[in-house]
Amino acid sequence: MEPTKKARKGARRKYAKLRGQTYVFRLFVAGGESNSSQAARNLTRMCEEHIKGRYTIDVVDVLKDAAAAQENGVLVTPTLMLIKPFPKVTVLGNLNDTRRVLAALRLAPAKSTAV
């Protein structure tokens, strides 16, 4: 079997294992700032499309709870953390690049860039 086919098959297997799990997200935002609002909308949309009924989103406003941001090492907003399932993942920004965000969060298999 070719290495790229073997890698894709392994990614599909890993993705299949995660299908039944509940996802826990923590989204750090800065009040009603536009990028923060957009990140919240994008995350909710992706969750509804890919893991409907199997996710929770904890939104932390760093303007109201700076200690939580400090405890989690958050320096910029918006910052998304996948808490469960492990391993933890951190994604920065407004989550506009759906394909990359889904791959980073293991909600969809990553497309191989190798030919």
N, C-alpha and C. Protein backbone atom coordinates (compact mmCIF):
# COMPACT_ATOMS: atom_id res chain seq x y z
N MET A 1 0.84 -1.17 0.00
CA MET A 1 0.00 0.00 0.00
C MET A 1 0.89 1.24 0.00
N GLU A 2 0.53 2.24 -0.80
CA GLU A 2 1.30 3.48 -0.88
C GLU A 2 1.25 4.22 0.46
N PRO A 3 2.31 4.96 0.80
CA PRO A 3 2.33 5.69 2.08
C PRO A 3 1.18 6.68 2.23
N THR A 4 0.82 7.40 1.15
CA THR A 4 -0.26 8.39 1.28
C THR A 4 -1.60 7.70 1.50
N LYS A 5 -1.83 6.56 0.84
CA LYS A 5 -3.08 5.83 1.05
C LYS A 5 -3.15 5.27 2.45
N LYS A 6 -2.00 4.79 2.94
CA LYS A 6 -1.93 4.25 4.30
C LYS A 6 -2.22 5.35 5.32
N ALA A 7 -1.67 6.54 5.11
CA ALA A 7 -1.89 7.67 6.02
C ALA A 7 -3.35 8.09 6.02
N ARG A 8 -3.97 8.14 4.83
CA ARG A 8 -5.38 8.52 4.75
C ARG A 8 -6.26 7.48 5.44
N LYS A 9 -5.92 6.20 5.28
CA LYS A 9 -6.70 5.13 5.91
C LYS A 9 -6.59 5.25 7.43
N GLY A 10 -5.41 5.56 7.95
CA GLY A 10 -5.22 5.75 9.38
C GLY A 10 -6.01 6.95 9.89
N ALA A 11 -6.03 8.03 9.12
CA ALA A 11 -6.79 9.22 9.52
C ALA A 11 -8.28 8.93 9.56
N ARG A 12 -8.77 8.16 8.60
CA ARG A 12 -10.20 7.79 8.60
C ARG A 12 -10.54 6.95 9.82
N ARG A 13 -9.65 6.03 10.20
CA ARG A 13 -9.89 5.19 11.37
C ARG A 13 -9.94 6.03 12.64
N LYS A 14 -9.00 6.97 12.77
CA LYS A 14 -8.96 7.85 13.94
C LYS A 14 -10.23 8.69 14.00
N TYR A 15 -10.67 9.21 12.86
CA TYR A 15 -11.88 10.02 12.77
C TYR A 15 -13.09 9.19 13.16
N ALA A 16 -13.16 7.95 12.73
CA ALA A 16 -14.29 7.08 13.04
C ALA A 16 -14.39 6.81 14.54
N LYS A 17 -13.26 6.71 15.23
CA LYS A 17 -13.27 6.45 16.67
C LYS A 17 -13.89 7.61 17.43
N LEU A 18 -13.75 8.84 16.92
CA LEU A 18 -14.23 10.02 17.62
C LEU A 18 -15.70 10.30 17.37
N ARG A 19 -16.31 9.63 16.42
CA ARG A 19 -17.68 9.96 16.02
C ARG A 19 -18.70 9.88 17.13
N GLY A 20 -18.55 8.98 18.10
CA GLY A 20 -19.55 8.84 19.15
C GLY A 20 -19.28 9.67 20.39
N GLN A 21 -18.20 10.39 20.44
CA GLN A 21 -17.82 11.10 21.65
C GLN A 21 -18.47 12.47 21.76
N THR A 22 -18.60 12.94 23.01
CA THR A 22 -19.07 14.30 23.26
C THR A 22 -17.87 15.23 23.26
N TYR A 23 -18.02 16.35 22.61
CA TYR A 23 -16.95 17.34 22.51
C TYR A 23 -17.21 18.47 23.49
N VAL A 24 -16.16 18.92 24.17
CA VAL A 24 -16.25 20.05 25.10
C VAL A 24 -15.29 21.13 24.59
N PHE A 25 -15.86 22.30 24.31
CA PHE A 25 -15.08 23.43 23.80
C PHE A 25 -15.12 24.56 24.81
N ARG A 26 -14.02 25.33 24.87
CA ARG A 26 -13.98 26.56 25.64
C ARG A 26 -13.52 27.66 24.69
N LEU A 27 -14.37 28.65 24.50
CA LEU A 27 -14.07 29.75 23.58
C LEU A 27 -13.84 31.02 24.40
N PHE A 28 -12.65 31.57 24.28
CA PHE A 28 -12.30 32.81 24.97
C PHE A 28 -12.56 33.97 24.02
N VAL A 29 -13.37 34.92 24.45
CA VAL A 29 -13.75 36.08 23.63
C VAL A 29 -13.47 37.35 24.41
N ALA A 30 -13.51 38.47 23.69
CA ALA A 30 -13.33 39.79 24.31
C ALA A 30 -14.62 40.57 24.11
N GLY A 31 -15.56 40.39 25.02
CA GLY A 31 -16.83 41.11 24.96
C GLY A 31 -17.55 40.85 23.65
N GLY A 32 -18.11 41.90 23.08
CA GLY A 32 -18.85 41.79 21.83
C GLY A 32 -18.01 42.12 20.61
N GLU A 33 -16.70 42.05 20.72
CA GLU A 33 -15.79 42.35 19.62
C GLU A 33 -16.16 41.50 18.40
N SER A 34 -16.05 42.07 17.21
CA SER A 34 -16.56 41.41 16.00
C SER A 34 -15.91 40.05 15.72
N ASN A 35 -14.60 39.92 15.89
CA ASN A 35 -13.96 38.62 15.65
C ASN A 35 -14.43 37.58 16.66
N SER A 36 -14.66 38.00 17.90
CA SER A 36 -15.15 37.08 18.92
C SER A 36 -16.56 36.60 18.60
N SER A 37 -17.42 37.52 18.20
CA SER A 37 -18.79 37.15 17.82
C SER A 37 -18.80 36.22 16.62
N GLN A 38 -17.95 36.51 15.66
CA GLN A 38 -17.86 35.68 14.46
C GLN A 38 -17.34 34.28 14.81
N ALA A 39 -16.37 34.19 15.70
CA ALA A 39 -15.85 32.89 16.12
C ALA A 39 -16.94 32.06 16.79
N ALA A 40 -17.74 32.69 17.64
CA ALA A 40 -18.83 31.98 18.32
C ALA A 40 -19.85 31.46 17.30
N ARG A 41 -20.20 32.28 16.33
CA ARG A 41 -21.15 31.85 15.28
C ARG A 41 -20.57 30.72 14.45
N ASN A 42 -19.32 30.85 14.05
CA ASN A 42 -18.68 29.82 13.22
C ASN A 42 -18.58 28.49 13.97
N LEU A 43 -18.20 28.55 15.24
CA LEU A 43 -18.09 27.32 16.03
C LEU A 43 -19.45 26.65 16.19
N THR A 44 -20.46 27.41 16.51
CA THR A 44 -21.81 26.84 16.67
C THR A 44 -22.28 26.21 15.37
N ARG A 45 -22.05 26.88 14.25
CA ARG A 45 -22.46 26.34 12.95
C ARG A 45 -21.76 25.02 12.65
N MET A 46 -20.45 24.98 12.87
CA MET A 46 -19.69 23.75 12.59
C MET A 46 -20.15 22.61 13.50
N CYS A 47 -20.38 22.92 14.76
CA CYS A 47 -20.84 21.88 15.69
C CYS A 47 -22.21 21.35 15.29
N GLU A 48 -23.11 22.25 14.92
CA GLU A 48 -24.46 21.82 14.51
C GLU A 48 -24.40 20.96 13.24
N GLU A 49 -23.49 21.27 12.34
CA GLU A 49 -23.38 20.52 11.09
C GLU A 49 -22.69 19.16 11.28
N HIS A 50 -21.75 19.06 12.23
CA HIS A 50 -20.91 17.86 12.30
C HIS A 50 -21.10 17.01 13.55
N ILE A 51 -21.51 17.62 14.67
CA ILE A 51 -21.64 16.83 15.91
C ILE A 51 -22.89 17.25 16.68
N LYS A 52 -23.95 17.50 15.98
CA LYS A 52 -25.20 17.98 16.58
C LYS A 52 -25.60 17.12 17.78
N GLY A 53 -25.86 17.80 18.90
CA GLY A 53 -26.28 17.12 20.11
C GLY A 53 -25.17 16.48 20.92
N ARG A 54 -23.93 16.58 20.44
CA ARG A 54 -22.81 15.93 21.14
C ARG A 54 -21.70 16.92 21.48
N TYR A 55 -22.09 18.15 21.85
CA TYR A 55 -21.07 19.14 22.17
C TYR A 55 -21.57 20.12 23.21
N THR A 56 -20.63 20.71 23.92
CA THR A 56 -20.92 21.85 24.79
C THR A 56 -19.88 22.92 24.51
N ILE A 57 -20.32 24.16 24.57
CA ILE A 57 -19.43 25.30 24.35
C ILE A 57 -19.50 26.19 25.58
N ASP A 58 -18.36 26.37 26.21
CA ASP A 58 -18.24 27.26 27.37
C ASP A 58 -17.58 28.54 26.86
N VAL A 59 -18.32 29.64 26.86
CA VAL A 59 -17.78 30.92 26.39
C VAL A 59 -17.29 31.71 27.59
N VAL A 60 -16.02 32.13 27.52
CA VAL A 60 -15.41 32.89 28.60
C VAL A 60 -15.05 34.27 28.06
N ASP A 61 -15.66 35.30 28.64
CA ASP A 61 -15.35 36.68 28.26
C ASP A 61 -14.16 37.13 29.10
N VAL A 62 -13.02 37.34 28.45
CA VAL A 62 -11.81 37.69 29.18
C VAL A 62 -11.88 39.08 29.81
N LEU A 63 -12.81 39.91 29.36
CA LEU A 63 -12.99 41.22 29.97
C LEU A 63 -13.66 41.09 31.33
N LYS A 64 -14.42 40.03 31.52
CA LYS A 64 -15.11 39.78 32.79
C LYS A 64 -14.37 38.77 33.66
N ASP A 65 -13.60 37.88 33.05
CA ASP A 65 -12.91 36.82 33.79
C ASP A 65 -11.48 36.69 33.30
N ALA A 66 -10.66 37.69 33.63
CA ALA A 66 -9.26 37.70 33.20
C ALA A 66 -8.48 36.57 33.84
N ALA A 67 -8.88 36.15 35.03
CA ALA A 67 -8.17 35.07 35.73
C ALA A 67 -8.27 33.76 34.94
N ALA A 68 -9.43 33.48 34.35
CA ALA A 68 -9.59 32.25 33.55
C ALA A 68 -8.68 32.28 32.33
N ALA A 69 -8.56 33.43 31.71
CA ALA A 69 -7.66 33.56 30.56
C ALA A 69 -6.22 33.32 30.98
N GLN A 70 -5.84 33.89 32.10
CA GLN A 70 -4.47 33.72 32.59
C GLN A 70 -4.20 32.26 32.95
N GLU A 71 -5.14 31.61 33.62
CA GLU A 71 -4.97 30.21 34.00
C GLU A 71 -4.80 29.29 32.79
N ASN A 72 -5.45 29.65 31.69
CA ASN A 72 -5.39 28.83 30.48
C ASN A 72 -4.34 29.30 29.48
N GLY A 73 -3.58 30.32 29.84
CA GLY A 73 -2.51 30.81 28.97
C GLY A 73 -3.01 31.52 27.73
N VAL A 74 -4.19 32.13 27.80
CA VAL A 74 -4.77 32.81 26.65
C VAL A 74 -4.23 34.23 26.59
N LEU A 75 -3.58 34.56 25.46
CA LEU A 75 -3.01 35.89 25.28
C LEU A 75 -3.75 36.71 24.24
N VAL A 76 -4.47 36.03 23.34
CA VAL A 76 -5.22 36.72 22.29
C VAL A 76 -6.63 36.14 22.23
N THR A 77 -7.54 36.96 21.71
CA THR A 77 -8.90 36.48 21.50
C THR A 77 -9.28 36.74 20.06
N PRO A 78 -10.14 35.93 19.52
CA PRO A 78 -10.72 34.73 20.11
C PRO A 78 -9.73 33.56 20.10
N THR A 79 -9.84 32.75 21.15
CA THR A 79 -9.07 31.52 21.26
C THR A 79 -10.04 30.39 21.59
N LEU A 80 -9.97 29.33 20.80
CA LEU A 80 -10.82 28.16 21.02
C LEU A 80 -9.96 27.03 21.54
N MET A 81 -10.44 26.37 22.59
CA MET A 81 -9.75 25.19 23.11
C MET A 81 -10.70 24.01 23.06
N LEU A 82 -10.23 22.92 22.48
CA LEU A 82 -10.94 21.65 22.53
C LEU A 82 -10.47 20.98 23.81
N ILE A 83 -11.36 20.85 24.78
CA ILE A 83 -11.01 20.28 26.07
C ILE A 83 -11.12 18.76 26.04
N LYS A 84 -12.19 18.25 25.47
CA LYS A 84 -12.42 16.81 25.33
C LYS A 84 -12.97 16.55 23.96
N PRO A 85 -12.66 15.48 23.31
CA PRO A 85 -11.76 14.40 23.69
C PRO A 85 -10.30 14.81 23.55
N PHE A 86 -9.45 14.09 24.25
CA PHE A 86 -8.02 14.35 24.21
C PHE A 86 -7.45 13.94 22.87
N PRO A 87 -6.35 14.47 22.42
CA PRO A 87 -5.55 15.51 23.06
C PRO A 87 -6.20 16.88 22.89
N LYS A 88 -5.87 17.77 23.82
CA LYS A 88 -6.39 19.13 23.76
C LYS A 88 -5.83 19.83 22.52
N VAL A 89 -6.65 20.72 21.97
CA VAL A 89 -6.26 21.47 20.78
C VAL A 89 -6.61 22.93 21.02
N THR A 90 -5.76 23.84 20.54
CA THR A 90 -6.03 25.27 20.62
C THR A 90 -6.02 25.85 19.22
N VAL A 91 -7.07 26.63 18.90
CA VAL A 91 -7.18 27.28 17.59
C VAL A 91 -7.41 28.76 17.84
N LEU A 92 -6.64 29.59 17.16
CA LEU A 92 -6.74 31.04 17.31
C LEU A 92 -7.48 31.64 16.13
N GLY A 93 -8.21 32.73 16.38
CA GLY A 93 -8.84 33.47 15.29
C GLY A 93 -10.34 33.29 15.26
N ASN A 94 -10.94 33.83 14.19
CA ASN A 94 -12.40 33.85 14.09
C ASN A 94 -13.00 32.57 13.50
N LEU A 95 -12.17 31.57 13.24
CA LEU A 95 -12.61 30.24 12.78
C LEU A 95 -13.27 30.28 11.40
N ASN A 96 -12.85 31.23 10.57
CA ASN A 96 -13.41 31.36 9.22
C ASN A 96 -13.00 30.25 8.27
N ASP A 97 -11.79 29.71 8.42
CA ASP A 97 -11.31 28.67 7.51
C ASP A 97 -11.87 27.32 7.98
N THR A 98 -13.09 27.06 7.58
CA THR A 98 -13.84 25.90 8.07
C THR A 98 -13.08 24.60 7.89
N ARG A 99 -12.53 24.37 6.72
CA ARG A 99 -11.83 23.11 6.43
C ARG A 99 -10.68 22.88 7.42
N ARG A 100 -9.88 23.89 7.65
CA ARG A 100 -8.73 23.75 8.56
C ARG A 100 -9.18 23.60 10.02
N VAL A 101 -10.20 24.34 10.40
CA VAL A 101 -10.69 24.26 11.79
C VAL A 101 -11.26 22.86 12.04
N LEU A 102 -12.07 22.35 11.11
CA LEU A 102 -12.63 21.01 11.27
C LEU A 102 -11.53 19.96 11.37
N ALA A 103 -10.50 20.10 10.56
CA ALA A 103 -9.39 19.14 10.62
C ALA A 103 -8.64 19.26 11.94
N ALA A 104 -8.39 20.48 12.40
CA ALA A 104 -7.67 20.68 13.66
C ALA A 104 -8.45 20.11 14.84
N LEU A 105 -9.77 20.24 14.80
CA LEU A 105 -10.61 19.75 15.89
C LEU A 105 -10.99 18.28 15.74
N ARG A 106 -10.49 17.66 14.68
CA ARG A 106 -10.78 16.25 14.40
C ARG A 106 -12.26 15.99 14.16
N LEU A 107 -12.94 16.97 13.57
CA LEU A 107 -14.35 16.81 13.22
C LEU A 107 -14.51 16.31 11.79
N ALA A 108 -13.45 16.39 11.02
CA ALA A 108 -13.43 15.88 9.66
C ALA A 108 -12.00 15.46 9.36
N PRO A 109 -11.82 14.42 8.56
CA PRO A 109 -10.45 14.00 8.24
C PRO A 109 -9.74 15.08 7.44
N ALA A 110 -8.47 15.26 7.73
CA ALA A 110 -7.65 16.24 7.01
C ALA A 110 -7.40 15.73 5.60
N LYS A 111 -7.48 16.63 4.65
CA LYS A 111 -7.18 16.28 3.26
C LYS A 111 -5.68 16.29 3.08
N SER A 112 -5.18 15.26 2.44
CA SER A 112 -3.75 15.18 2.20
C SER A 112 -3.35 16.18 1.13
N THR A 113 -2.24 16.88 1.34
CA THR A 113 -1.75 17.81 0.34
C THR A 113 -0.75 17.14 -0.58
N ALA A 114 -0.33 15.91 -0.25
CA ALA A 114 0.61 15.17 -1.09
C ALA A 114 -0.11 14.62 -2.31
N VAL A 115 0.61 14.57 -3.42
CA VAL A 115 0.03 14.04 -4.67
C VAL A 115 0.53 12.65 -4.90
